[in-house]
Amino acid sequence: MQALILAGGEGTRLRPLTLTTPKPALQLVDRPFLRFMIDWLASHGVDEVVVASGVGADELRAALGDGSDGASIAYMTEGEPLGTGGPLRLAADEGLLEDRFLVLNGDVLTDLDLGELMRAHETSGAVATLALYPVDDPSAYGLVRRARGPAGPGASPEAPTGEVVEFLEKPDPDAIDTDEISAGAYVLERQVIDLIPAGRNVSIEREVFPRLVGHGLYGHSLRGYWMDIGTPERYLQASWDILEGRVKTDVSVDRDGVLVESDVALATDASIGPRAVIARGTQVGEGASVLSSVVLPNGRIGAGATVTESILAPDVRVGENAQVGPGAVLGEGCEVEAGAELGAGARVGPGERAA
């Protein structure tokens, strides 16, 4: 089976982290984020992955390699942003797609059962099948409405069938009649490519799928873990969910949600966690505290400094007795002066100095 991952976004909500590292290559716990998706795909029998990227394509290739240790990875670079549909047409025109394939949104950490999705697609004879996921508050997402009625002997007449009948973008509360949203995973037949114009930005959600309503567009609801990690808050929560075992991965689970990588120097009275990622090459000084935070490679946390609910890009320097966070995001190579106080939601760009 083949999969195309859409990894062309600029990751604007995760700036300043993504000003120097493309979001798919950003370290999440112990590896580039997109590696979790590639490993998930391989566990469901996907043996060939095509990564469609734009900004930061070279960095992404360097981070992920060619997949020699699992599913093979090919790369396709968009000369200009092509949206969520344009990359499919470009990949087809370049001879990279088979007759049936998966398409994945590269922003998602999940362990949903792709095998179940593919079986549902095969059984229904669909042209396209969307993975659907129930959320507690769907108001911030686009709803996917399915036809209701008996889907088989004994089925409830109120139960949704597989056929998609409508999409509703960011609905008002009184218009919400389902909790199902698109999970950003699709099984497509090659004929869908014929609906995508070449050479321009195309939204598969707004321009292609609506045209398939009534013509073989199905949805299948899946249960499991699913999270869009596109904000600092979700990036941190995904880190703890991985470390605490709420999503199925091969990362060793820690009940306190703590990972300290190799080549880390911790002072004897430094306080780490509960919940923390301290990446390789980092030094944490005497009496310093890192709580519910991620410190990416080669950080320096000075004596007496406190880092709370924050994300520090590689090579960040935090001076003695400085206070960072909660909710701060510090760009690569920036420096926080000794005794500085960076309050809630602070942002410091790459290479900048914060007093």
Protein backbone atom coordinates (compact mmCIF):
# COMPACT_ATOMS: atom_id res chain seq x y z
CA MET A 1 0.00 0.00 0.00
CA GLN A 2 1.11 3.53 -0.78
CA ALA A 3 0.59 6.77 1.15
CA LEU A 4 1.04 10.45 0.30
CA ILE A 5 1.74 12.73 3.28
CA LEU A 6 0.88 16.41 2.91
CA ALA A 7 3.75 18.16 4.68
CA GLY A 8 3.86 21.48 2.87
CA GLY A 9 2.47 23.74 5.60
CA GLU A 10 4.60 26.52 7.08
CA GLY A 11 3.70 25.80 10.72
CA THR A 12 2.88 29.43 11.47
CA ARG A 13 1.14 28.63 14.77
CA LEU A 14 4.33 27.01 16.08
CA ARG A 15 6.59 29.97 15.39
CA PRO A 16 9.32 30.76 16.34
CA LEU A 17 10.18 27.01 16.43
CA THR A 18 9.32 26.60 12.76
CA LEU A 19 11.29 29.64 11.61
CA THR A 20 14.40 27.44 11.59
CA THR A 21 13.00 23.89 11.45
CA PRO A 22 10.06 22.75 9.28
CA LYS A 23 7.24 21.45 11.47
CA PRO A 24 7.39 17.83 10.18
CA ALA A 25 11.10 17.71 11.16
CA LEU A 26 10.55 19.30 14.58
CA GLN A 27 11.58 16.92 17.36
CA LEU A 28 8.61 15.48 19.24
CA VAL A 29 9.79 13.56 22.32
CA ASP A 30 12.66 11.58 20.76
CA ARG A 31 12.35 11.85 16.97
CA PRO A 32 11.23 14.09 14.10
CA PHE A 33 7.47 14.47 14.36
CA LEU A 34 6.72 12.99 10.94
CA ARG A 35 8.57 9.81 11.90
CA PHE A 36 5.64 8.93 14.19
CA MET A 37 3.30 9.07 11.18
CA ILE A 38 5.61 7.03 8.98
CA ASP A 39 5.99 4.36 11.67
CA TRP A 40 2.18 4.32 12.12
CA LEU A 41 1.70 3.84 8.39
CA ALA A 42 4.26 1.03 8.26
CA SER A 43 2.45 -0.77 11.09
CA HIS A 44 -0.63 -0.92 8.81
CA GLY A 45 1.17 -2.40 5.83
CA VAL A 46 2.15 0.79 4.01
CA ASP A 47 5.48 0.08 2.35
CA GLU A 48 5.89 3.22 0.23
CA VAL A 49 5.51 6.81 1.44
CA VAL A 50 5.61 9.95 -0.69
CA VAL A 51 6.21 13.14 1.30
CA ALA A 52 4.96 16.30 -0.41
CA SER A 53 6.72 19.34 1.00
CA GLY A 54 7.61 22.89 0.13
CA VAL A 55 9.38 25.06 2.68
CA GLY A 56 12.24 23.18 4.36
CA ALA A 57 12.26 20.21 2.00
CA ASP A 58 16.02 19.68 2.35
CA GLU A 59 15.86 19.72 6.17
CA LEU A 60 12.99 17.24 6.09
CA ARG A 61 14.90 14.88 3.84
CA ALA A 62 17.93 15.11 6.13
CA ALA A 63 15.79 14.36 9.19
CA LEU A 64 13.86 11.39 7.76
CA GLY A 65 16.21 9.79 5.26
CA ASP A 66 15.00 7.31 2.64
CA GLY A 67 13.23 4.91 4.96
CA SER A 68 15.76 2.12 4.55
CA ASP A 69 14.78 0.87 8.03
CA GLY A 70 11.04 0.65 7.22
CA ALA A 71 8.66 1.97 4.56
CA SER A 72 10.55 3.53 1.66
CA ILE A 73 10.30 7.34 1.52
CA ALA A 74 10.24 9.41 -1.66
CA TYR A 75 10.12 13.21 -1.66
CA MET A 76 8.21 15.59 -3.88
CA THR A 77 8.88 19.32 -3.65
CA GLU A 78 6.17 21.87 -4.43
CA GLY A 79 7.61 24.81 -6.35
CA GLU A 80 4.80 26.91 -4.91
CA PRO A 81 2.10 26.10 -2.32
CA LEU A 82 -0.46 23.74 -3.83
CA GLY A 83 -2.87 23.32 -0.91
CA THR A 84 -4.23 19.92 0.07
CA GLY A 85 -5.32 18.83 -3.41
CA GLY A 86 -2.66 20.18 -5.73
CA PRO A 87 0.08 17.85 -4.43
CA LEU A 88 -2.03 14.84 -5.42
CA ARG A 89 -2.23 16.04 -9.00
CA LEU A 90 1.48 16.84 -9.07
CA ALA A 91 2.37 13.41 -7.66
CA ALA A 92 0.15 11.70 -10.24
CA ASP A 93 1.63 13.75 -13.08
CA GLU A 94 5.11 12.74 -11.92
CA GLY A 95 4.11 9.05 -11.96
CA LEU A 96 4.35 8.61 -8.19
CA LEU A 97 0.82 7.36 -7.39
CA GLU A 98 -0.77 3.94 -7.83
CA ASP A 99 -4.43 3.14 -8.55
CA ARG A 100 -5.38 3.27 -4.86
CA PHE A 101 -3.55 5.15 -2.14
CA LEU A 102 -3.80 6.82 1.25
CA VAL A 103 -3.54 10.58 1.77
CA LEU A 104 -2.57 11.92 5.20
CA ASN A 105 -2.49 15.39 6.70
CA GLY A 106 1.05 15.73 8.06
CA ASP A 107 -0.05 17.70 11.15
CA VAL A 108 -1.62 14.79 13.02
CA LEU A 109 -0.40 12.42 15.73
CA THR A 110 -2.66 9.40 15.83
CA ASP A 111 -2.95 5.64 16.30
CA LEU A 112 -6.28 5.15 14.47
CA ASP A 113 -6.77 1.79 12.75
CA LEU A 114 -5.99 2.38 9.08
CA GLY A 115 -6.63 -1.28 8.35
CA GLU A 116 -10.25 -0.81 9.40
CA LEU A 117 -10.50 2.27 7.16
CA MET A 118 -9.13 0.40 4.15
CA ARG A 119 -11.47 -2.54 4.73
CA ALA A 120 -14.46 -0.19 4.90
CA HIS A 121 -13.37 1.40 1.61
CA GLU A 122 -13.07 -1.97 -0.07
CA THR A 123 -16.44 -3.21 1.24
CA SER A 124 -18.40 -0.14 0.14
CA GLY A 125 -16.84 0.15 -3.29
CA ALA A 126 -16.21 3.83 -2.59
CA VAL A 127 -14.28 6.21 -4.77
CA ALA A 128 -13.04 7.99 -1.65
CA THR A 129 -13.36 7.14 2.04
CA LEU A 130 -12.68 9.69 4.78
CA ALA A 131 -11.52 8.71 8.24
CA LEU A 132 -13.90 10.41 10.69
CA TYR A 133 -13.21 11.11 14.33
CA PRO A 134 -15.64 12.13 17.11
CA VAL A 135 -14.67 15.20 19.18
CA ASP A 136 -16.28 16.69 22.27
CA ASP A 137 -16.48 20.20 20.79
CA PRO A 138 -16.70 20.15 16.99
CA SER A 139 -17.46 23.88 16.67
CA ALA A 140 -13.86 24.72 15.70
CA TYR A 141 -13.77 22.06 12.98
CA GLY A 142 -15.65 21.27 9.82
CA LEU A 143 -18.40 18.72 10.42
CA VAL A 144 -18.95 15.75 8.12
CA ARG A 145 -22.59 14.71 7.83
CA ARG A 146 -23.44 11.20 6.76
CA ALA A 147 -26.73 9.80 5.53
CA ARG A 148 -28.90 8.24 8.21
CA GLY A 149 -30.86 5.06 7.86
CA PRO A 150 -30.46 1.28 8.02
CA ALA A 151 -27.02 0.18 6.90
CA GLY A 152 -27.85 -3.50 7.20
CA PRO A 153 -30.19 -6.02 8.82
CA GLY A 154 -31.23 -4.85 12.28
CA ALA A 155 -29.48 -1.47 12.03
CA SER A 156 -31.10 1.54 13.67
CA PRO A 157 -32.87 3.90 11.24
CA GLU A 158 -31.16 6.79 13.05
CA ALA A 159 -27.64 5.42 12.71
CA PRO A 160 -25.37 7.10 10.15
CA THR A 161 -24.52 5.04 7.10
CA GLY A 162 -21.21 5.36 5.35
CA GLU A 163 -22.28 7.79 2.62
CA VAL A 164 -21.23 11.42 3.10
CA VAL A 165 -23.98 13.91 2.26
CA GLU A 166 -22.66 17.29 3.40
CA PHE A 167 -19.75 19.27 4.86
CA LEU A 168 -20.34 22.11 7.31
CA GLU A 169 -17.47 24.48 8.09
CA LYS A 170 -17.16 25.80 11.67
CA PRO A 171 -20.88 25.53 12.47
CA ASP A 172 -22.90 27.61 14.91
CA PRO A 173 -23.75 25.66 18.08
CA ASP A 174 -27.41 25.25 17.07
CA ALA A 175 -26.37 23.68 13.75
CA ILE A 176 -24.27 20.90 15.33
CA ASP A 177 -26.01 17.55 14.89
CA THR A 178 -22.96 15.27 14.72
CA ASP A 179 -19.63 15.06 16.51
CA GLU A 180 -17.76 13.64 13.53
CA ILE A 181 -14.95 15.60 11.88
CA SER A 182 -12.46 14.67 9.20
CA ALA A 183 -9.37 13.08 10.75
CA GLY A 184 -7.18 14.07 7.80
CA ALA A 185 -6.77 10.52 6.48
CA TYR A 186 -8.33 9.33 3.23
CA VAL A 187 -8.35 6.28 0.99
CA LEU A 188 -8.67 7.39 -2.63
CA GLU A 189 -9.05 5.76 -5.99
CA ARG A 190 -6.92 7.26 -8.75
CA GLN A 191 -9.97 8.63 -10.60
CA VAL A 192 -10.24 11.34 -7.92
CA ILE A 193 -7.16 12.92 -9.51
CA ASP A 194 -9.28 13.79 -12.57
CA LEU A 195 -11.19 16.32 -10.43
CA ILE A 196 -8.03 18.22 -9.48
CA PRO A 197 -6.86 20.94 -11.88
CA ALA A 198 -3.13 21.03 -12.56
CA GLY A 199 -0.74 23.80 -11.68
CA ARG A 200 -2.61 25.67 -8.95
CA ASN A 201 -3.47 25.64 -5.26
CA VAL A 202 -6.45 23.32 -4.71
CA SER A 203 -8.32 22.49 -1.50
CA ILE A 204 -9.35 18.84 -1.57
CA GLU A 205 -11.79 19.50 1.29
CA ARG A 206 -13.56 22.47 -0.32
CA GLU A 207 -13.19 21.85 -4.05
CA VAL A 208 -12.91 18.09 -4.60
CA PHE A 209 -14.81 16.22 -1.90
CA PRO A 210 -18.03 18.27 -2.28
CA ARG A 211 -18.11 17.27 -5.95
CA LEU A 212 -17.95 13.63 -4.91
CA VAL A 213 -21.05 13.82 -2.70
CA GLY A 214 -23.52 11.36 -4.20
CA HIS A 215 -20.79 9.87 -6.38
CA GLY A 216 -18.97 7.40 -4.16
CA LEU A 217 -17.84 9.52 -1.21
CA TYR A 218 -17.98 7.63 2.09
CA GLY A 219 -16.88 8.19 5.65
CA HIS A 220 -15.91 5.74 8.34
CA SER A 221 -15.71 6.61 12.03
CA LEU A 222 -12.64 5.40 13.92
CA ARG A 223 -11.79 5.31 17.61
CA GLY A 224 -8.37 5.80 19.17
CA TYR A 225 -5.99 8.69 19.71
CA TRP A 226 -5.99 11.72 17.41
CA MET A 227 -4.48 15.18 17.81
CA ASP A 228 -3.49 18.03 15.52
CA ILE A 229 -0.19 19.24 17.02
CA GLY A 230 -0.20 22.60 15.25
CA THR A 231 -0.06 24.81 18.36
CA PRO A 232 2.46 24.99 21.24
CA GLU A 233 -0.20 23.79 23.69
CA ARG A 234 -0.99 20.73 21.58
CA TYR A 235 2.68 20.05 20.93
CA LEU A 236 3.26 19.86 24.69
CA GLN A 237 0.15 17.77 25.29
CA ALA A 238 1.16 15.35 22.52
CA SER A 239 4.56 14.98 24.19
CA TRP A 240 2.97 13.98 27.50
CA ASP A 241 0.45 11.70 25.78
CA ILE A 242 3.31 9.82 24.11
CA LEU A 243 5.37 9.53 27.29
CA GLU A 244 2.38 8.57 29.45
CA GLY A 245 1.10 5.96 26.99
CA ARG A 246 -2.15 7.52 25.79
CA VAL A 247 -1.12 7.03 22.17
CA LYS A 248 0.31 3.76 20.87
CA THR A 249 3.97 4.22 19.94
CA ASP A 250 7.24 2.40 20.59
CA VAL A 251 8.43 5.09 23.02
CA SER A 252 9.13 3.79 26.53
CA VAL A 253 6.32 4.99 28.81
CA ASP A 254 7.21 6.96 31.94
CA ARG A 255 4.55 7.43 34.63
CA ASP A 256 5.86 10.93 35.34
CA GLY A 257 6.02 11.80 31.62
CA VAL A 258 9.78 12.45 31.73
CA LEU A 259 12.40 11.73 29.07
CA VAL A 260 16.05 12.63 29.59
CA GLU A 261 18.11 11.78 26.51
CA SER A 262 21.76 10.76 26.39
CA ASP A 263 24.62 13.18 26.91
CA VAL A 264 22.60 15.38 29.30
CA ALA A 265 24.28 17.00 32.30
CA LEU A 266 21.94 17.52 35.26
CA ALA A 267 23.16 19.17 38.44
CA THR A 268 22.55 17.01 41.49
CA ASP A 269 19.87 19.30 42.89
CA ALA A 270 18.20 20.23 39.59
CA SER A 271 14.47 19.48 39.47
CA ILE A 272 13.07 17.81 36.34
CA GLY A 273 9.33 17.17 35.90
CA PRO A 274 6.86 15.81 36.45
CA ARG A 275 6.51 15.99 32.68
CA ALA A 276 9.58 17.09 30.80
CA VAL A 277 11.70 16.31 27.75
CA ILE A 278 15.39 17.12 28.11
CA ALA A 279 17.02 16.47 24.75
CA ARG A 280 20.59 15.39 24.07
CA GLY A 281 23.49 17.70 24.85
CA THR A 282 21.54 19.84 27.34
CA GLN A 283 22.93 21.14 30.61
CA VAL A 284 20.77 22.03 33.61
CA GLY A 285 22.47 23.94 36.42
CA GLU A 286 22.37 23.83 40.20
CA GLY A 287 18.94 24.43 41.67
CA ALA A 288 17.33 24.89 38.25
CA SER A 289 13.79 23.60 37.60
CA VAL A 290 12.20 22.34 34.37
CA LEU A 291 8.48 21.60 34.77
CA SER A 292 6.06 20.46 32.04
CA SER A 293 8.46 21.75 29.39
CA VAL A 294 10.46 20.59 26.39
CA VAL A 295 14.11 21.58 26.08
CA LEU A 296 15.41 20.62 22.64
CA PRO A 297 19.06 19.69 21.92
CA ASN A 298 22.03 21.55 23.36
CA GLY A 299 20.10 23.83 25.68
CA ARG A 300 21.68 25.54 28.68
CA ILE A 301 19.57 26.19 31.77
CA GLY A 302 21.49 28.29 34.26
CA ALA A 303 21.68 27.78 38.02
CA GLY A 304 18.48 28.71 39.80
CA ALA A 305 16.53 29.24 36.58
CA THR A 306 12.92 28.04 36.22
CA VAL A 307 11.28 26.85 32.99
CA THR A 308 7.54 26.15 33.22
CA GLU A 309 5.13 24.82 30.57
CA SER A 310 7.37 26.10 27.78
CA ILE A 311 9.18 24.95 24.63
CA LEU A 312 12.84 25.77 24.04
CA ALA A 313 14.25 25.24 20.55
CA PRO A 314 17.80 23.88 20.11
CA ASP A 315 20.76 25.86 21.46
CA VAL A 316 18.72 28.14 23.74
CA ARG A 317 20.57 29.73 26.67
CA VAL A 318 18.66 30.59 29.85
CA GLY A 319 20.68 32.63 32.32
CA GLU A 320 20.99 32.12 36.05
CA ASN A 321 17.84 32.76 38.10
CA ALA A 322 15.81 33.60 35.00
CA GLN A 323 12.12 32.65 34.89
CA VAL A 324 10.59 31.35 31.65
CA GLY A 325 6.87 30.73 31.17
CA PRO A 326 4.30 29.47 31.53
CA GLY A 327 3.51 29.15 27.85
CA ALA A 328 6.75 30.63 26.48
CA VAL A 329 8.22 29.51 23.14
CA LEU A 330 11.88 30.33 22.53
CA GLY A 331 13.45 30.18 19.08
CA GLU A 332 16.69 28.46 18.14
CA GLY A 333 19.84 29.97 19.57
CA CYS A 334 18.15 32.72 21.56
CA GLU A 335 19.45 33.89 24.93
CA VAL A 336 17.54 34.80 28.08
CA GLU A 337 19.61 37.03 30.31
CA ALA A 338 20.30 36.21 33.96
CA GLY A 339 17.41 37.23 36.19
CA ALA A 340 15.05 37.95 33.30
CA GLU A 341 11.36 37.16 33.66
CA LEU A 342 9.50 35.97 30.55
CA GLY A 343 5.81 35.84 31.38
CA ALA A 344 2.92 33.85 30.02
CA GLY A 345 2.92 33.36 26.26
CA ALA A 346 6.30 35.03 25.65
CA ARG A 347 7.86 34.53 22.22
CA VAL A 348 11.56 35.06 21.51
CA GLY A 349 12.79 34.72 17.93
CA PRO A 350 15.83 32.75 16.75
CA GLY A 351 19.09 34.33 17.86
CA GLU A 352 17.38 37.10 19.81
CA ARG A 353 18.29 38.23 23.31
CA ALA A 354 15.62 38.63 26.01
CA ALA A 355 16.31 40.81 29.02
